[in-house]
Amino acid sequence: MIPLFLSVHFRDRDRDVRLWFPLIVIWLLMLPIVLLALPFVVIAAAICAAAGFNLFAAIAAIFALLAATRGTVVEVESPDHTVFIRLS
């Protein structure tokens, strides 16, 4: 499943700030764009199939890559600041 939330946590000596961003809103906003691009994807798939390349396998691999980002944690530290980013 694709990530639905992005959590960002900023910490320095004086402040501690946590922000949550709902990625589901971004995915829903991208849905009309994907639906508009669908006829072009079908045409590209037909052209790629004639050339021996499976476009749908490539699209499935991209979706699998997006799904694999769920649970990713990035932590950046310096002497004064710390930033945590988590996809969930």
N, C-alpha and C. Protein backbone atom coordinates (compact mmCIF):
# COMPACT_ATOMS: atom_id res chain seq x y z
N MET A 1 0.84 -1.17 0.00
CA MET A 1 0.00 0.00 0.00
C MET A 1 0.89 1.24 0.00
N ILE A 2 0.47 2.26 -0.72
CA ILE A 2 1.25 3.49 -0.81
C ILE A 2 1.19 4.26 0.51
N PRO A 3 2.20 5.07 0.80
CA PRO A 3 2.19 5.83 2.05
C PRO A 3 1.02 6.82 2.09
N LEU A 4 0.41 6.95 3.25
CA LEU A 4 -0.74 7.84 3.40
C LEU A 4 -0.43 9.07 4.23
N PHE A 5 0.60 9.02 5.07
CA PHE A 5 0.93 10.14 5.95
C PHE A 5 2.43 10.40 5.93
N LEU A 6 2.78 11.66 6.06
CA LEU A 6 4.16 12.08 6.19
C LEU A 6 4.28 12.80 7.52
N SER A 7 5.17 12.34 8.36
CA SER A 7 5.40 12.95 9.66
C SER A 7 6.78 13.58 9.66
N VAL A 8 6.83 14.86 10.01
CA VAL A 8 8.09 15.59 10.08
C VAL A 8 8.24 16.13 11.50
N HIS A 9 9.39 15.88 12.08
CA HIS A 9 9.65 16.28 13.47
C HIS A 9 10.95 17.08 13.48
N PHE A 10 10.83 18.38 13.82
CA PHE A 10 11.99 19.27 13.93
C PHE A 10 12.31 19.45 15.40
N ARG A 11 13.57 19.35 15.73
CA ARG A 11 13.97 19.56 17.11
C ARG A 11 15.27 20.37 17.13
N ASP A 12 15.26 21.42 17.93
CA ASP A 12 16.49 22.14 18.21
C ASP A 12 16.56 22.39 19.71
N ARG A 13 17.45 23.23 20.14
CA ARG A 13 17.64 23.41 21.57
C ARG A 13 16.43 24.02 22.26
N ASP A 14 15.71 24.90 21.55
CA ASP A 14 14.61 25.63 22.16
C ASP A 14 13.23 25.09 21.82
N ARG A 15 13.08 24.49 20.64
CA ARG A 15 11.76 24.11 20.16
C ARG A 15 11.71 22.65 19.76
N ASP A 16 10.49 22.15 19.78
CA ASP A 16 10.21 20.78 19.35
C ASP A 16 8.90 20.84 18.56
N VAL A 17 8.97 20.70 17.23
CA VAL A 17 7.80 20.86 16.38
C VAL A 17 7.54 19.56 15.63
N ARG A 18 6.29 19.10 15.66
CA ARG A 18 5.87 17.92 14.90
C ARG A 18 4.78 18.32 13.93
N LEU A 19 4.94 17.92 12.67
CA LEU A 19 3.97 18.21 11.63
C LEU A 19 3.53 16.91 10.97
N TRP A 20 2.24 16.82 10.68
CA TRP A 20 1.69 15.66 9.98
C TRP A 20 1.07 16.15 8.68
N PHE A 21 1.43 15.51 7.58
CA PHE A 21 0.87 15.84 6.28
C PHE A 21 0.13 14.63 5.74
N PRO A 22 -1.15 14.76 5.42
CA PRO A 22 -1.88 13.63 4.84
C PRO A 22 -1.56 13.49 3.34
N LEU A 23 -0.80 12.48 2.99
CA LEU A 23 -0.45 12.26 1.59
C LEU A 23 -1.64 11.75 0.79
N ILE A 24 -2.67 11.25 1.47
CA ILE A 24 -3.84 10.76 0.75
C ILE A 24 -4.48 11.89 -0.04
N VAL A 25 -4.38 13.13 0.44
CA VAL A 25 -4.91 14.27 -0.29
C VAL A 25 -4.16 14.46 -1.60
N ILE A 26 -2.85 14.30 -1.57
CA ILE A 26 -2.05 14.42 -2.79
C ILE A 26 -2.40 13.31 -3.76
N TRP A 27 -2.55 12.07 -3.26
CA TRP A 27 -2.92 10.96 -4.14
C TRP A 27 -4.29 11.20 -4.77
N LEU A 28 -5.23 11.72 -4.00
CA LEU A 28 -6.57 12.00 -4.54
C LEU A 28 -6.55 13.14 -5.55
N LEU A 29 -5.70 14.13 -5.34
CA LEU A 29 -5.58 15.22 -6.31
C LEU A 29 -4.92 14.74 -7.61
N MET A 30 -4.06 13.75 -7.51
CA MET A 30 -3.40 13.21 -8.71
C MET A 30 -4.30 12.26 -9.49
N LEU A 31 -5.37 11.77 -8.89
CA LEU A 31 -6.24 10.80 -9.55
C LEU A 31 -6.84 11.32 -10.85
N PRO A 32 -7.36 12.54 -10.94
CA PRO A 32 -7.87 13.01 -12.23
C PRO A 32 -6.79 13.10 -13.32
N ILE A 33 -5.58 13.45 -12.92
CA ILE A 33 -4.48 13.51 -13.88
C ILE A 33 -4.17 12.12 -14.42
N VAL A 34 -4.19 11.15 -13.54
CA VAL A 34 -3.93 9.77 -13.96
C VAL A 34 -5.04 9.27 -14.88
N LEU A 35 -6.27 9.61 -14.57
CA LEU A 35 -7.38 9.20 -15.43
C LEU A 35 -7.32 9.86 -16.80
N LEU A 36 -6.89 11.12 -16.86
CA LEU A 36 -6.71 11.79 -18.14
C LEU A 36 -5.56 11.20 -18.95
N ALA A 37 -4.55 10.70 -18.27
CA ALA A 37 -3.39 10.12 -18.94
C ALA A 37 -3.62 8.67 -19.37
N LEU A 38 -4.69 8.06 -18.88
CA LEU A 38 -4.94 6.65 -19.16
C LEU A 38 -5.01 6.30 -20.65
N PRO A 39 -5.70 7.08 -21.50
CA PRO A 39 -5.69 6.73 -22.93
C PRO A 39 -4.29 6.75 -23.54
N PHE A 40 -3.46 7.69 -23.11
CA PHE A 40 -2.10 7.76 -23.62
C PHE A 40 -1.27 6.56 -23.15
N VAL A 41 -1.54 6.10 -21.94
CA VAL A 41 -0.84 4.91 -21.42
C VAL A 41 -1.21 3.68 -22.24
N VAL A 42 -2.49 3.57 -22.60
CA VAL A 42 -2.93 2.43 -23.41
C VAL A 42 -2.28 2.48 -24.79
N ILE A 43 -2.20 3.66 -25.39
CA ILE A 43 -1.54 3.79 -26.69
C ILE A 43 -0.06 3.47 -26.57
N ALA A 44 0.59 3.97 -25.53
CA ALA A 44 2.01 3.68 -25.31
C ALA A 44 2.22 2.19 -25.06
N ALA A 45 1.29 1.55 -24.36
CA ALA A 45 1.40 0.11 -24.12
C ALA A 45 1.32 -0.67 -25.42
N ALA A 46 0.45 -0.24 -26.34
CA ALA A 46 0.34 -0.92 -27.63
C ALA A 46 1.62 -0.76 -28.45
N ILE A 47 2.20 0.44 -28.41
CA ILE A 47 3.45 0.67 -29.14
C ILE A 47 4.58 -0.12 -28.52
N CYS A 48 4.65 -0.14 -27.20
CA CYS A 48 5.71 -0.88 -26.51
C CYS A 48 5.56 -2.38 -26.69
N ALA A 49 4.32 -2.86 -26.75
CA ALA A 49 4.10 -4.30 -26.95
C ALA A 49 4.58 -4.71 -28.33
N ALA A 50 4.41 -3.84 -29.32
CA ALA A 50 4.91 -4.14 -30.66
C ALA A 50 6.43 -4.18 -30.68
N ALA A 51 7.06 -3.40 -29.80
CA ALA A 51 8.52 -3.38 -29.73
C ALA A 51 9.07 -4.45 -28.78
N GLY A 52 8.18 -5.19 -28.09
CA GLY A 52 8.64 -6.26 -27.21
C GLY A 52 8.87 -5.83 -25.77
N PHE A 53 8.38 -4.64 -25.41
CA PHE A 53 8.54 -4.13 -24.05
C PHE A 53 7.18 -4.11 -23.37
N ASN A 54 7.10 -4.62 -22.15
CA ASN A 54 5.82 -4.67 -21.42
C ASN A 54 5.70 -3.43 -20.54
N LEU A 55 4.91 -2.45 -21.00
CA LEU A 55 4.75 -1.20 -20.27
C LEU A 55 4.00 -1.40 -18.96
N PHE A 56 3.05 -2.32 -18.95
CA PHE A 56 2.28 -2.55 -17.72
C PHE A 56 3.15 -3.14 -16.62
N ALA A 57 4.14 -3.93 -16.99
CA ALA A 57 5.09 -4.44 -15.99
C ALA A 57 5.92 -3.29 -15.42
N ALA A 58 6.27 -2.32 -16.26
CA ALA A 58 7.03 -1.16 -15.78
C ALA A 58 6.17 -0.31 -14.85
N ILE A 59 4.88 -0.13 -15.17
CA ILE A 59 3.98 0.64 -14.31
C ILE A 59 3.78 -0.09 -12.98
N ALA A 60 3.67 -1.41 -13.03
CA ALA A 60 3.54 -2.19 -11.79
C ALA A 60 4.80 -2.06 -10.94
N ALA A 61 5.96 -2.00 -11.58
CA ALA A 61 7.21 -1.84 -10.83
C ALA A 61 7.29 -0.47 -10.17
N ILE A 62 6.79 0.57 -10.85
CA ILE A 62 6.77 1.91 -10.26
C ILE A 62 5.84 1.94 -9.05
N PHE A 63 4.66 1.31 -9.17
CA PHE A 63 3.74 1.26 -8.04
C PHE A 63 4.35 0.47 -6.88
N ALA A 64 5.05 -0.62 -7.18
CA ALA A 64 5.71 -1.40 -6.13
C ALA A 64 6.79 -0.57 -5.45
N LEU A 65 7.48 0.25 -6.21
CA LEU A 65 8.50 1.13 -5.63
C LEU A 65 7.86 2.15 -4.69
N LEU A 66 6.73 2.72 -5.09
CA LEU A 66 6.00 3.65 -4.21
C LEU A 66 5.53 2.94 -2.94
N ALA A 67 5.04 1.73 -3.10
CA ALA A 67 4.54 0.98 -1.94
C ALA A 67 5.69 0.62 -1.00
N ALA A 68 6.88 0.44 -1.54
CA ALA A 68 8.02 0.07 -0.70
C ALA A 68 8.53 1.25 0.13
N THR A 69 8.13 2.47 -0.21
CA THR A 69 8.57 3.62 0.57
C THR A 69 7.83 3.74 1.90
N ARG A 70 6.75 3.00 2.06
CA ARG A 70 6.01 3.05 3.32
C ARG A 70 6.89 2.51 4.44
N GLY A 71 6.97 3.24 5.53
CA GLY A 71 7.81 2.84 6.65
C GLY A 71 9.21 3.43 6.60
N THR A 72 9.50 4.24 5.59
CA THR A 72 10.81 4.87 5.46
C THR A 72 10.99 5.93 6.54
N VAL A 73 12.14 5.90 7.18
CA VAL A 73 12.47 6.88 8.21
C VAL A 73 13.79 7.53 7.82
N VAL A 74 13.79 8.86 7.79
CA VAL A 74 15.00 9.62 7.51
C VAL A 74 15.30 10.46 8.74
N GLU A 75 16.52 10.37 9.21
CA GLU A 75 16.94 11.12 10.39
C GLU A 75 18.20 11.89 10.05
N VAL A 76 18.13 13.21 10.22
CA VAL A 76 19.27 14.07 9.94
C VAL A 76 19.60 14.82 11.22
N GLU A 77 20.85 14.71 11.66
CA GLU A 77 21.26 15.35 12.91
C GLU A 77 22.45 16.27 12.68
N SER A 78 22.42 17.37 13.38
CA SER A 78 23.56 18.27 13.46
C SER A 78 23.74 18.61 14.94
N PRO A 79 24.77 19.30 15.29
CA PRO A 79 24.93 19.63 16.72
C PRO A 79 23.78 20.45 17.30
N ASP A 80 23.14 21.27 16.48
CA ASP A 80 22.08 22.14 16.98
C ASP A 80 20.67 21.66 16.66
N HIS A 81 20.49 20.92 15.57
CA HIS A 81 19.16 20.58 15.08
C HIS A 81 19.06 19.09 14.76
N THR A 82 17.84 18.59 14.84
CA THR A 82 17.54 17.22 14.44
C THR A 82 16.23 17.24 13.65
N VAL A 83 16.20 16.50 12.54
CA VAL A 83 15.00 16.41 11.71
C VAL A 83 14.71 14.92 11.49
N PHE A 84 13.49 14.51 11.80
CA PHE A 84 13.01 13.16 11.54
C PHE A 84 11.91 13.24 10.50
N ILE A 85 11.97 12.40 9.49
CA ILE A 85 10.91 12.31 8.47
C ILE A 85 10.49 10.87 8.39
N ARG A 86 9.19 10.63 8.49
CA ARG A 86 8.66 9.26 8.47
C ARG A 86 7.48 9.16 7.52
N LEU A 87 7.52 8.20 6.62
CA LEU A 87 6.39 7.90 5.73
C LEU A 87 5.64 6.72 6.30
N SER A 88 4.34 6.88 6.49
CA SER A 88 3.54 5.76 7.01
C SER A 88 2.18 5.71 6.36
